[in-house]
Amino acid sequence: MEILLAMAPSPDGSGGGGSMVSTLIMFGAIFAIFYFMIIRPQQKRAKEREKLLSAIEKGDKVITSGGMHATIAGIEDKIVLLDVGNNVKMKFDRSAVATVLRESSDKK
C-alpha cells in the first residue's frame, strides 16, 4: 500500500518530472563510468594484443597461453609452428601466443 502511495502523482500536480531527469543523468553517468573504466581499456588491450600477434616473426621466442616456452620456426596465416627443443616442432593457433620475449640489444 505504501509503495502505491509513493508512486502516485502528488496532489499539487507536479508529477515528479524532475526525478525523471535526475534518473536519466544518473544512468548516463553510470554508462560513462563503465565506458571509461571497463570498455575502453579492454578495447585498448585487444588492439595491443592484435598488434603483438601480427608483429611476430620467425626466430622470436614466445610463451604460449599454456606456459610453454618455444621459438617460432614458421608462420602461416593463423597457425604458428613452434620449436620447443631438440628439433621438436608443434603447431599452435596464433592466438595461443601469450607473450613475445624480446631480448634487449644493449646487453653487457
PDB file of N, CA and C in Angstrom:
ATOM      1  N   MET A   1       0.813  -1.188   0.000  1.00  0.00           N
ATOM      2  CA  MET A   1       0.000   0.000   0.000  1.00  0.00           C
ATOM      3  C   MET A   1       0.864   1.262   0.000  1.00  0.00           C
ATOM      4  N   GLU A   2       1.929   1.227   0.776  1.00  0.00           N
ATOM      5  CA  GLU A   2       2.811   2.381   0.856  1.00  0.00           C
ATOM      6  C   GLU A   2       3.524   2.623  -0.480  1.00  0.00           C
ATOM      7  N   ILE A   3       3.842   1.541  -1.186  1.00  0.00           N
ATOM      8  CA  ILE A   3       4.516   1.667  -2.482  1.00  0.00           C
ATOM      9  C   ILE A   3       3.591   2.338  -3.484  1.00  0.00           C
ATOM     10  N   LEU A   4       2.335   1.978  -3.488  1.00  0.00           N
ATOM     11  CA  LEU A   4       1.381   2.593  -4.409  1.00  0.00           C
ATOM     12  C   LEU A   4       1.219   4.071  -4.116  1.00  0.00           C
ATOM     13  N   LEU A   5       1.208   4.432  -2.849  1.00  0.00           N
ATOM     14  CA  LEU A   5       1.092   5.841  -2.493  1.00  0.00           C
ATOM     15  C   LEU A   5       2.331   6.614  -2.915  1.00  0.00           C
ATOM     16  N   ALA A   6       3.492   5.980  -2.828  1.00  0.00           N
ATOM     17  CA  ALA A   6       4.728   6.655  -3.217  1.00  0.00           C
ATOM     18  C   ALA A   6       4.782   6.859  -4.724  1.00  0.00           C
ATOM     19  N   MET A   7       4.174   5.954  -5.494  1.00  0.00           N
ATOM     20  CA  MET A   7       4.198   6.045  -6.939  1.00  0.00           C
ATOM     21  C   MET A   7       3.110   6.970  -7.494  1.00  0.00           C
ATOM     22  N   ALA A   8       2.123   7.264  -6.709  1.00  0.00           N
ATOM     23  CA  ALA A   8       1.015   8.103  -7.169  1.00  0.00           C
ATOM     24  C   ALA A   8       1.478   9.537  -7.353  1.00  0.00           C
ATOM     25  N   PRO A   9       0.899  10.259  -8.325  1.00  0.00           N
ATOM     26  CA  PRO A   9       1.286  11.663  -8.517  1.00  0.00           C
ATOM     27  C   PRO A   9       0.896  12.500  -7.308  1.00  0.00           C
ATOM     28  N   SER A  10       1.673  13.520  -7.082  1.00  0.00           N
ATOM     29  CA  SER A  10       1.405  14.368  -5.918  1.00  0.00           C
ATOM     30  C   SER A  10       0.125  15.174  -6.159  1.00  0.00           C
ATOM     31  N   PRO A  11      -0.557  15.546  -5.081  1.00  0.00           N
ATOM     32  CA  PRO A  11      -1.826  16.263  -5.229  1.00  0.00           C
ATOM     33  C   PRO A  11      -1.662  17.656  -5.834  1.00  0.00           C
ATOM     34  N   ASP A  12      -0.480  18.238  -5.759  1.00  0.00           N
ATOM     35  CA  ASP A  12      -0.319  19.579  -6.320  1.00  0.00           C
ATOM     36  C   ASP A  12      -0.084  19.557  -7.827  1.00  0.00           C
ATOM     37  N   GLY A  13       0.050  18.348  -8.435  1.00  0.00           N
ATOM     38  CA  GLY A  13       0.146  18.224  -9.881  1.00  0.00           C
ATOM     39  C   GLY A  13       1.548  18.351 -10.435  1.00  0.00           C
ATOM     40  N   SER A  14       2.573  18.323  -9.583  1.00  0.00           N
ATOM     41  CA  SER A  14       3.936  18.468 -10.090  1.00  0.00           C
ATOM     42  C   SER A  14       4.363  17.238 -10.884  1.00  0.00           C
ATOM     43  N   GLY A  15       3.888  16.069 -10.541  1.00  0.00           N
ATOM     44  CA  GLY A  15       4.118  14.862 -11.329  1.00  0.00           C
ATOM     45  C   GLY A  15       5.505  14.267 -11.207  1.00  0.00           C
ATOM     46  N   GLY A  16       6.438  14.882 -10.569  1.00  0.00           N
ATOM     47  CA  GLY A  16       7.772  14.315 -10.371  1.00  0.00           C
ATOM     48  C   GLY A  16       8.616  14.322 -11.625  1.00  0.00           C
ATOM     49  N   GLY A  17       8.477  15.278 -12.515  1.00  0.00           N
ATOM     50  CA  GLY A  17       9.255  15.362 -13.747  1.00  0.00           C
ATOM     51  C   GLY A  17      10.735  15.551 -13.491  1.00  0.00           C
ATOM     52  N   GLY A  18      11.090  16.228 -12.415  1.00  0.00           N
ATOM     53  CA  GLY A  18      12.492  16.440 -12.081  1.00  0.00           C
ATOM     54  C   GLY A  18      13.202  15.147 -11.731  1.00  0.00           C
ATOM     55  N   SER A  19      12.486  14.204 -11.158  1.00  0.00           N
ATOM     56  CA  SER A  19      13.121  12.942 -10.790  1.00  0.00           C
ATOM     57  C   SER A  19      13.473  12.120 -12.030  1.00  0.00           C
ATOM     58  N   MET A  20      12.697  12.283 -13.107  1.00  0.00           N
ATOM     59  CA  MET A  20      12.986  11.565 -14.346  1.00  0.00           C
ATOM     60  C   MET A  20      14.287  12.076 -14.958  1.00  0.00           C
ATOM     61  N   VAL A  21      14.491  13.376 -14.933  1.00  0.00           N
ATOM     62  CA  VAL A  21      15.714  13.965 -15.478  1.00  0.00           C
ATOM     63  C   VAL A  21      16.919  13.520 -14.652  1.00  0.00           C
ATOM     64  N   SER A  22      16.783  13.535 -13.346  1.00  0.00           N
ATOM     65  CA  SER A  22      17.901  13.117 -12.496  1.00  0.00           C
ATOM     66  C   SER A  22      18.210  11.634 -12.680  1.00  0.00           C
ATOM     67  N   THR A  23      17.180  10.834 -12.937  1.00  0.00           N
ATOM     68  CA  THR A  23      17.395   9.404 -13.187  1.00  0.00           C
ATOM     69  C   THR A  23      18.156   9.202 -14.501  1.00  0.00           C
ATOM     70  N   LEU A  24      17.776   9.959 -15.534  1.00  0.00           N
ATOM     71  CA  LEU A  24      18.476   9.853 -16.808  1.00  0.00           C
ATOM     72  C   LEU A  24      19.923  10.319 -16.684  1.00  0.00           C
ATOM     73  N   ILE A  25      20.155  11.365 -15.931  1.00  0.00           N
ATOM     74  CA  ILE A  25      21.520  11.838 -15.701  1.00  0.00           C
ATOM     75  C   ILE A  25      22.328  10.778 -14.962  1.00  0.00           C
ATOM     76  N   MET A  26      21.712  10.135 -13.985  1.00  0.00           N
ATOM     77  CA  MET A  26      22.403   9.083 -13.214  1.00  0.00           C
ATOM     78  C   MET A  26      22.763   7.900 -14.122  1.00  0.00           C
ATOM     79  N   PHE A  27      21.826   7.487 -14.984  1.00  0.00           N
ATOM     80  CA  PHE A  27      22.123   6.388 -15.905  1.00  0.00           C
ATOM     81  C   PHE A  27      23.233   6.773 -16.875  1.00  0.00           C
ATOM     82  N   GLY A  28      23.225   8.004 -17.346  1.00  0.00           N
ATOM     83  CA  GLY A  28      24.291   8.481 -18.229  1.00  0.00           C
ATOM     84  C   GLY A  28      25.641   8.475 -17.531  1.00  0.00           C
ATOM     85  N   ALA A  29      25.659   8.896 -16.275  1.00  0.00           N
ATOM     86  CA  ALA A  29      26.906   8.902 -15.512  1.00  0.00           C
ATOM     87  C   ALA A  29      27.413   7.480 -15.291  1.00  0.00           C
ATOM     88  N   ILE A  30      26.517   6.564 -14.997  1.00  0.00           N
ATOM     89  CA  ILE A  30      26.921   5.168 -14.792  1.00  0.00           C
ATOM     90  C   ILE A  30      27.473   4.587 -16.088  1.00  0.00           C
ATOM     91  N   PHE A  31      26.824   4.870 -17.220  1.00  0.00           N
ATOM     92  CA  PHE A  31      27.324   4.382 -18.509  1.00  0.00           C
ATOM     93  C   PHE A  31      28.707   4.958 -18.805  1.00  0.00           C
ATOM     94  N   ALA A  32      28.901   6.250 -18.526  1.00  0.00           N
ATOM     95  CA  ALA A  32      30.209   6.874 -18.763  1.00  0.00           C
ATOM     96  C   ALA A  32      31.287   6.229 -17.900  1.00  0.00           C
ATOM     97  N   ILE A  33      30.962   5.936 -16.654  1.00  0.00           N
ATOM     98  CA  ILE A  33      31.927   5.281 -15.763  1.00  0.00           C
ATOM     99  C   ILE A  33      32.281   3.896 -16.297  1.00  0.00           C
ATOM    100  N   PHE A  34      31.277   3.124 -16.708  1.00  0.00           N
ATOM    101  CA  PHE A  34      31.544   1.802 -17.264  1.00  0.00           C
ATOM    102  C   PHE A  34      32.387   1.900 -18.528  1.00  0.00           C
ATOM    103  N   TYR A  35      32.094   2.873 -19.383  1.00  0.00           N
ATOM    104  CA  TYR A  35      32.834   3.007 -20.621  1.00  0.00           C
ATOM    105  C   TYR A  35      34.303   3.302 -20.356  1.00  0.00           C
ATOM    106  N   PHE A  36      34.574   4.298 -19.501  1.00  0.00           N
ATOM    107  CA  PHE A  36      35.955   4.706 -19.274  1.00  0.00           C
ATOM    108  C   PHE A  36      36.718   3.770 -18.346  1.00  0.00           C
ATOM    109  N   MET A  37      36.032   3.007 -17.512  1.00  0.00           N
ATOM    110  CA  MET A  37      36.715   2.118 -16.576  1.00  0.00           C
ATOM    111  C   MET A  37      36.817   0.677 -17.091  1.00  0.00           C
ATOM    112  N   ILE A  38      35.904   0.252 -17.947  1.00  0.00           N
ATOM    113  CA  ILE A  38      35.889  -1.157 -18.365  1.00  0.00           C
ATOM    114  C   ILE A  38      36.012  -1.322 -19.880  1.00  0.00           C
ATOM    115  N   ILE A  39      35.136  -0.717 -20.639  1.00  0.00           N
ATOM    116  CA  ILE A  39      35.058  -0.972 -22.079  1.00  0.00           C
ATOM    117  C   ILE A  39      36.273  -0.427 -22.815  1.00  0.00           C
ATOM    118  N   ARG A  40      36.622   0.825 -22.584  1.00  0.00           N
ATOM    119  CA  ARG A  40      37.738   1.451 -23.312  1.00  0.00           C
ATOM    120  C   ARG A  40      39.081   0.778 -23.030  1.00  0.00           C
ATOM    121  N   PRO A  41      39.431   0.493 -21.765  1.00  0.00           N
ATOM    122  CA  PRO A  41      40.706  -0.211 -21.538  1.00  0.00           C
ATOM    123  C   PRO A  41      40.735  -1.605 -22.167  1.00  0.00           C
ATOM    124  N   GLN A  42      39.593  -2.280 -22.183  1.00  0.00           N
ATOM    125  CA  GLN A  42      39.533  -3.608 -22.795  1.00  0.00           C
ATOM    126  C   GLN A  42      39.790  -3.518 -24.299  1.00  0.00           C
ATOM    127  N   GLN A  43      39.214  -2.513 -24.951  1.00  0.00           N
ATOM    128  CA  GLN A  43      39.445  -2.327 -26.382  1.00  0.00           C
ATOM    129  C   GLN A  43      40.907  -1.997 -26.653  1.00  0.00           C
ATOM    130  N   LYS A  44      41.513  -1.212 -25.778  1.00  0.00           N
ATOM    131  CA  LYS A  44      42.919  -0.840 -25.945  1.00  0.00           C
ATOM    132  C   LYS A  44      43.821  -2.073 -25.808  1.00  0.00           C
ATOM    133  N   ARG A  45      43.538  -2.931 -24.819  1.00  0.00           N
ATOM    134  CA  ARG A  45      44.318  -4.163 -24.661  1.00  0.00           C
ATOM    135  C   ARG A  45      44.144  -5.084 -25.863  1.00  0.00           C
ATOM    136  N   ALA A  46      42.936  -5.158 -26.408  1.00  0.00           N
ATOM    137  CA  ALA A  46      42.687  -6.015 -27.577  1.00  0.00           C
ATOM    138  C   ALA A  46      43.480  -5.522 -28.788  1.00  0.00           C
ATOM    139  N   LYS A  47      43.553  -4.204 -28.981  1.00  0.00           N
ATOM    140  CA  LYS A  47      44.338  -3.658 -30.092  1.00  0.00           C
ATOM    141  C   LYS A  47      45.826  -3.941 -29.910  1.00  0.00           C
ATOM    142  N   GLU A  48      46.323  -3.798 -28.675  1.00  0.00           N
ATOM    143  CA  GLU A  48      47.739  -4.074 -28.413  1.00  0.00           C
ATOM    144  C   GLU A  48      48.061  -5.542 -28.656  1.00  0.00           C
ATOM    145  N   ARG A  49      47.156  -6.440 -28.250  1.00  0.00           N
ATOM    146  CA  ARG A  49      47.375  -7.876 -28.466  1.00  0.00           C
ATOM    147  C   ARG A  49      47.378  -8.200 -29.955  1.00  0.00           C
ATOM    148  N   GLU A  50      46.460  -7.613 -30.703  1.00  0.00           N
ATOM    149  CA  GLU A  50      46.410  -7.843 -32.146  1.00  0.00           C
ATOM    150  C   GLU A  50      47.695  -7.346 -32.809  1.00  0.00           C
ATOM    151  N   LYS A  51      48.195  -6.223 -32.356  1.00  0.00           N
ATOM    152  CA  LYS A  51      49.447  -5.680 -32.888  1.00  0.00           C
ATOM    153  C   LYS A  51      50.612  -6.617 -32.560  1.00  0.00           C
ATOM    154  N   LEU A  52      50.633  -7.156 -31.341  1.00  0.00           N
ATOM    155  CA  LEU A  52      51.679  -8.091 -30.915  1.00  0.00           C
ATOM    156  C   LEU A  52      51.655  -9.348 -31.768  1.00  0.00           C
ATOM    157  N   LEU A  53      50.460  -9.906 -31.994  1.00  0.00           N
ATOM    158  CA  LEU A  53      50.351 -11.148 -32.765  1.00  0.00           C
ATOM    159  C   LEU A  53      50.675 -10.938 -34.242  1.00  0.00           C
ATOM    160  N   SER A  54      50.398  -9.767 -34.765  1.00  0.00           N
ATOM    161  CA  SER A  54      50.710  -9.529 -36.176  1.00  0.00           C
ATOM    162  C   SER A  54      52.194  -9.221 -36.393  1.00  0.00           C
ATOM    163  N   ALA A  55      52.899  -8.854 -35.322  1.00  0.00           N
ATOM    164  CA  ALA A  55      54.312  -8.488 -35.456  1.00  0.00           C
ATOM    165  C   ALA A  55      55.272  -9.657 -35.195  1.00  0.00           C
ATOM    166  N   ILE A  56      54.746 -10.827 -34.822  1.00  0.00           N
ATOM    167  CA  ILE A  56      55.660 -11.939 -34.556  1.00  0.00           C
ATOM    168  C   ILE A  56      56.269 -12.431 -35.857  1.00  0.00           C
ATOM    169  N   GLU A  57      57.490 -12.902 -35.770  1.00  0.00           N
ATOM    170  CA  GLU A  57      58.177 -13.402 -36.957  1.00  0.00           C
ATOM    171  C   GLU A  57      59.057 -14.581 -36.577  1.00  0.00           C
ATOM    172  N   LYS A  58      59.533 -15.264 -37.581  1.00  0.00           N
ATOM    173  CA  LYS A  58      60.342 -16.453 -37.399  1.00  0.00           C
ATOM    174  C   LYS A  58      61.577 -16.114 -36.563  1.00  0.00           C
ATOM    175  N   GLY A  59      61.851 -16.950 -35.556  1.00  0.00           N
ATOM    176  CA  GLY A  59      63.005 -16.755 -34.687  1.00  0.00           C
ATOM    177  C   GLY A  59      62.674 -16.091 -33.363  1.00  0.00           C
ATOM    178  N   ASP A  60      61.480 -15.499 -33.235  1.00  0.00           N
ATOM    179  CA  ASP A  60      61.091 -14.884 -31.965  1.00  0.00           C
ATOM    180  C   ASP A  60      60.874 -15.953 -30.900  1.00  0.00           C
ATOM    181  N   LYS A  61      61.266 -15.637 -29.688  1.00  0.00           N
ATOM    182  CA  LYS A  61      60.994 -16.525 -28.565  1.00  0.00           C
ATOM    183  C   LYS A  61      59.667 -16.114 -27.960  1.00  0.00           C
ATOM    184  N   VAL A  62      58.799 -17.101 -27.716  1.00  0.00           N
ATOM    185  CA  VAL A  62      57.448 -16.816 -27.236  1.00  0.00           C
ATOM    186  C   VAL A  62      57.094 -17.721 -26.060  1.00  0.00           C
ATOM    187  N   ILE A  63      56.058 -17.317 -25.352  1.00  0.00           N
ATOM    188  CA  ILE A  63      55.444 -18.138 -24.314  1.00  0.00           C
ATOM    189  C   ILE A  63      53.982 -18.285 -24.704  1.00  0.00           C
ATOM    190  N   THR A  64      53.486 -19.523 -24.738  1.00  0.00           N
ATOM    191  CA  THR A  64      52.092 -19.753 -25.099  1.00  0.00           C
ATOM    192  C   THR A  64      51.208 -19.517 -23.887  1.00  0.00           C
ATOM    193  N   SER A  65      49.908 -19.511 -24.130  1.00  0.00           N
ATOM    194  CA  SER A  65      48.962 -19.312 -23.037  1.00  0.00           C
ATOM    195  C   SER A  65      48.985 -20.477 -22.056  1.00  0.00           C
ATOM    196  N   GLY A  66      49.486 -21.619 -22.488  1.00  0.00           N
ATOM    197  CA  GLY A  66      49.626 -22.771 -21.596  1.00  0.00           C
ATOM    198  C   GLY A  66      50.927 -22.760 -20.816  1.00  0.00           C
ATOM    199  N   GLY A  67      51.813 -21.808 -21.109  1.00  0.00           N
ATOM    200  CA  GLY A  67      53.064 -21.680 -20.372  1.00  0.00           C
ATOM    201  C   GLY A  67      54.263 -22.312 -21.049  1.00  0.00           C
ATOM    202  N   MET A  68      54.107 -22.772 -22.279  1.00  0.00           N
ATOM    203  CA  MET A  68      55.205 -23.418 -22.985  1.00  0.00           C
ATOM    204  C   MET A  68      56.133 -22.372 -23.602  1.00  0.00           C
ATOM    205  N   HIS A  69      57.421 -22.500 -23.355  1.00  0.00           N
ATOM    206  CA  HIS A  69      58.426 -21.616 -23.941  1.00  0.00           C
ATOM    207  C   HIS A  69      58.919 -22.250 -25.231  1.00  0.00           C
ATOM    208  N   ALA A  70      58.971 -21.458 -26.290  1.00  0.00           N
ATOM    209  CA  ALA A  70      59.363 -22.001 -27.588  1.00  0.00           C
ATOM    210  C   ALA A  70      59.899 -20.888 -28.473  1.00  0.00           C
ATOM    211  N   THR A  71      60.419 -21.320 -29.621  1.00  0.00           N
ATOM    212  CA  THR A  71      60.901 -20.396 -30.647  1.00  0.00           C
ATOM    213  C   THR A  71      60.065 -20.611 -31.895  1.00  0.00           C
ATOM    214  N   ILE A  72      59.686 -19.536 -32.554  1.00  0.00           N
ATOM    215  CA  ILE A  72      58.857 -19.653 -33.751  1.00  0.00           C
ATOM    216  C   ILE A  72      59.713 -20.173 -34.898  1.00  0.00           C
ATOM    217  N   ALA A  73      59.284 -21.320 -35.464  1.00  0.00           N
ATOM    218  CA  ALA A  73      60.010 -21.936 -36.566  1.00  0.00           C
ATOM    219  C   ALA A  73      59.344 -21.639 -37.902  1.00  0.00           C
ATOM    220  N   GLY A  74      58.073 -21.281 -37.878  1.00  0.00           N
ATOM    221  CA  GLY A  74      57.364 -20.970 -39.117  1.00  0.00           C
ATOM    222  C   GLY A  74      56.040 -20.317 -38.809  1.00  0.00           C
ATOM    223  N   ILE A  75      55.548 -19.542 -39.766  1.00  0.00           N
ATOM    224  CA  ILE A  75      54.287 -18.837 -39.579  1.00  0.00           C
ATOM    225  C   ILE A  75      53.428 -19.034 -40.813  1.00  0.00           C
ATOM    226  N   GLU A  76      52.190 -19.431 -40.588  1.00  0.00           N
ATOM    227  CA  GLU A  76      51.193 -19.476 -41.644  1.00  0.00           C
ATOM    228  C   GLU A  76      50.155 -18.409 -41.319  1.00  0.00           C
ATOM    229  N   ASP A  77      49.022 -18.458 -41.974  1.00  0.00           N
ATOM    230  CA  ASP A  77      48.013 -17.422 -41.789  1.00  0.00           C
ATOM    231  C   ASP A  77      47.553 -17.323 -40.330  1.00  0.00           C
ATOM    232  N   LYS A  78      47.012 -18.397 -39.782  1.00  0.00           N
ATOM    233  CA  LYS A  78      46.526 -18.379 -38.406  1.00  0.00           C
ATOM    234  C   LYS A  78      47.230 -19.399 -37.522  1.00  0.00           C
ATOM    235  N   ILE A  79      48.268 -20.021 -38.048  1.00  0.00           N
ATOM    236  CA  ILE A  79      48.976 -21.071 -37.316  1.00  0.00           C
ATOM    237  C   ILE A  79      50.451 -20.714 -37.231  1.00  0.00           C
ATOM    238  N   VAL A  80      51.041 -20.983 -36.059  1.00  0.00           N
ATOM    239  CA  VAL A  80      52.484 -20.813 -35.913  1.00  0.00           C
ATOM    240  C   VAL A  80      53.082 -22.182 -35.593  1.00  0.00           C
ATOM    241  N   LEU A  81      54.257 -22.426 -36.144  1.00  0.00           N
ATOM    242  CA  LEU A  81      54.988 -23.656 -35.891  1.00  0.00           C
ATOM    243  C   LEU A  81      56.049 -23.320 -34.854  1.00  0.00           C
ATOM    244  N   LEU A  82      55.960 -23.956 -33.696  1.00  0.00           N
ATOM    245  CA  LEU A  82      56.867 -23.648 -32.597  1.00  0.00           C
ATOM    246  C   LEU A  82      57.875 -24.764 -32.402  1.00  0.00           C
ATOM    247  N   ASP A  83      59.127 -24.379 -32.268  1.00  0.00           N
ATOM    248  CA  ASP A  83      60.206 -25.319 -31.965  1.00  0.00           C
ATOM    249  C   ASP A  83      60.389 -25.299 -30.451  1.00  0.00           C
ATOM    250  N   VAL A  84      60.080 -26.440 -29.802  1.00  0.00           N
ATOM    251  CA  VAL A  84      60.138 -26.490 -28.338  1.00  0.00           C
ATOM    252  C   VAL A  84      61.436 -27.098 -27.829  1.00  0.00           C
ATOM    253  N   GLY A  85      62.341 -27.470 -28.702  1.00  0.00           N
ATOM    254  CA  GLY A  85      63.643 -28.013 -28.316  1.00  0.00           C
ATOM    255  C   GLY A  85      63.897 -29.355 -28.948  1.00  0.00           C
ATOM    256  N   ASN A  86      65.187 -29.702 -29.126  1.00  0.00           N
ATOM    257  CA  ASN A  86      65.594 -30.971 -29.739  1.00  0.00           C
ATOM    258  C   ASN A  86      64.892 -31.198 -31.069  1.00  0.00           C
ATOM    259  N   ASN A  87      64.702 -30.132 -31.824  1.00  0.00           N
ATOM    260  CA  ASN A  87      64.065 -30.178 -33.135  1.00  0.00           C
ATOM    261  C   ASN A  87      62.643 -30.745 -33.090  1.00  0.00           C
ATOM    262  N   VAL A  88      61.963 -30.587 -31.961  1.00  0.00           N
ATOM    263  CA  VAL A  88      60.559 -30.977 -31.825  1.00  0.00           C
ATOM    264  C   VAL A  88      59.718 -29.753 -32.159  1.00  0.00           C
ATOM    265  N   LYS A  89      58.865 -29.900 -33.179  1.00  0.00           N
ATOM    266  CA  LYS A  89      58.054 -28.775 -33.619  1.00  0.00           C
ATOM    267  C   LYS A  89      56.580 -29.102 -33.428  1.00  0.00           C
ATOM    268  N   MET A  90      55.836 -28.092 -32.975  1.00  0.00           N
ATOM    269  CA  MET A  90      54.404 -28.256 -32.708  1.00  0.00           C
ATOM    270  C   MET A  90      53.655 -27.101 -33.353  1.00  0.00           C
ATOM    271  N   LYS A  91      52.461 -27.407 -33.874  1.00  0.00           N
ATOM    272  CA  LYS A  91      51.619 -26.364 -34.457  1.00  0.00           C
ATOM    273  C   LYS A  91      50.675 -25.829 -33.385  1.00  0.00           C
ATOM    274  N   PHE A  92      50.571 -24.504 -33.337  1.00  0.00           N
ATOM    275  CA  PHE A  92      49.662 -23.838 -32.418  1.00  0.00           C
ATOM    276  C   PHE A  92      48.886 -22.777 -33.180  1.00  0.00           C
ATOM    277  N   ASP A  93      47.718 -22.482 -32.695  1.00  0.00           N
ATOM    278  CA  ASP A  93      46.966 -21.361 -33.224  1.00  0.00           C
ATOM    279  C   ASP A  93      47.695 -20.079 -32.838  1.00  0.00           C
ATOM    280  N   ARG A  94      47.697 -19.111 -33.713  1.00  0.00           N
ATOM    281  CA  ARG A  94      48.422 -17.863 -33.446  1.00  0.00           C
ATOM    282  C   ARG A  94      47.932 -17.196 -32.164  1.00  0.00           C
ATOM    283  N   SER A  95      46.647 -17.330 -31.857  1.00  0.00           N
ATOM    284  CA  SER A  95      46.101 -16.701 -30.655  1.00  0.00           C
ATOM    285  C   SER A  95      46.581 -17.372 -29.372  1.00  0.00           C
ATOM    286  N   ALA A  96      47.236 -18.538 -29.469  1.00  0.00           N
ATOM    287  CA  ALA A  96      47.763 -19.214 -28.285  1.00  0.00           C
ATOM    288  C   ALA A  96      49.039 -18.555 -27.775  1.00  0.00           C
ATOM    289  N   VAL A  97      49.638 -17.689 -28.579  1.00  0.00           N
ATOM    290  CA  VAL A  97      50.848 -16.979 -28.154  1.00  0.00           C
ATOM    291  C   VAL A  97      50.432 -15.905 -27.165  1.00  0.00           C
ATOM    292  N   ALA A  98      50.952 -15.993 -25.944  1.00  0.00           N
ATOM    293  CA  ALA A  98      50.593 -15.033 -24.905  1.00  0.00           C
ATOM    294  C   ALA A  98      51.605 -13.902 -24.805  1.00  0.00           C
ATOM    295  N   THR A  99      52.898 -14.229 -24.927  1.00  0.00           N
ATOM    296  CA  THR A  99      53.947 -13.237 -24.744  1.00  0.00           C
ATOM    297  C   THR A  99      55.044 -13.456 -25.765  1.00  0.00           C
ATOM    298  N   VAL A 100      55.595 -12.373 -26.267  1.00  0.00           N
ATOM    299  CA  VAL A 100      56.770 -12.428 -27.136  1.00  0.00           C
ATOM    300  C   VAL A 100      57.924 -11.883 -26.318  1.00  0.00           C
ATOM    301  N   LEU A 101      58.966 -12.713 -26.170  1.00  0.00           N
ATOM    302  CA  LEU A 101      60.114 -12.297 -25.382  1.00  0.00           C
ATOM    303  C   LEU A 101      61.105 -11.579 -26.302  1.00  0.00           C
ATOM    304  N   ARG A 102      61.352 -10.357 -26.017  1.00  0.00           N
ATOM    305  CA  ARG A 102      62.301  -9.557 -26.801  1.00  0.00           C
ATOM    306  C   ARG A 102      63.539  -9.346 -25.954  1.00  0.00           C
ATOM    307  N   GLU A 103      64.683  -9.728 -26.496  1.00  0.00           N
ATOM    308  CA  GLU A 103      65.931  -9.516 -25.774  1.00  0.00           C
ATOM    309  C   GLU A 103      66.428  -8.114 -26.060  1.00  0.00           C
ATOM    310  N   SER A 104      66.872  -7.426 -25.022  1.00  0.00           N
ATOM    311  CA  SER A 104      67.351  -6.053 -25.226  1.00  0.00           C
ATOM    312  C   SER A 104      68.686  -6.083 -25.983  1.00  0.00           C
ATOM    313  N   SER A 105      68.843  -5.139 -26.874  1.00  0.00           N
ATOM    314  CA  SER A 105      70.044  -5.105 -27.725  1.00  0.00           C
ATOM    315  C   SER A 105      71.233  -4.502 -27.010  1.00  0.00           C
ATOM    316  N   ASP A 106      71.068  -3.964 -25.809  1.00  0.00           N
ATOM    317  CA  ASP A 106      72.155  -3.334 -25.085  1.00  0.00           C
ATOM    318  C   ASP A 106      72.673  -4.244 -23.971  1.00  0.00           C
ATOM    319  N   LYS A 107      72.849  -5.535 -24.259  1.00  0.00           N
ATOM    320  CA  LYS A 107      73.402  -6.478 -23.280  1.00  0.00           C
ATOM    321  C   LYS A 107      74.865  -6.157 -23.028  1.00  0.00           C
ATOM    322  N   LYS A 108      75.294  -6.363 -21.786  1.00  0.00           N
ATOM    323  CA  LYS A 108      76.698  -6.085 -21.430  1.00  0.00           C
ATOM    324  C   LYS A 108      77.465  -7.365 -21.244  1.00  0.00           C
TER     325      LYS A 108
END
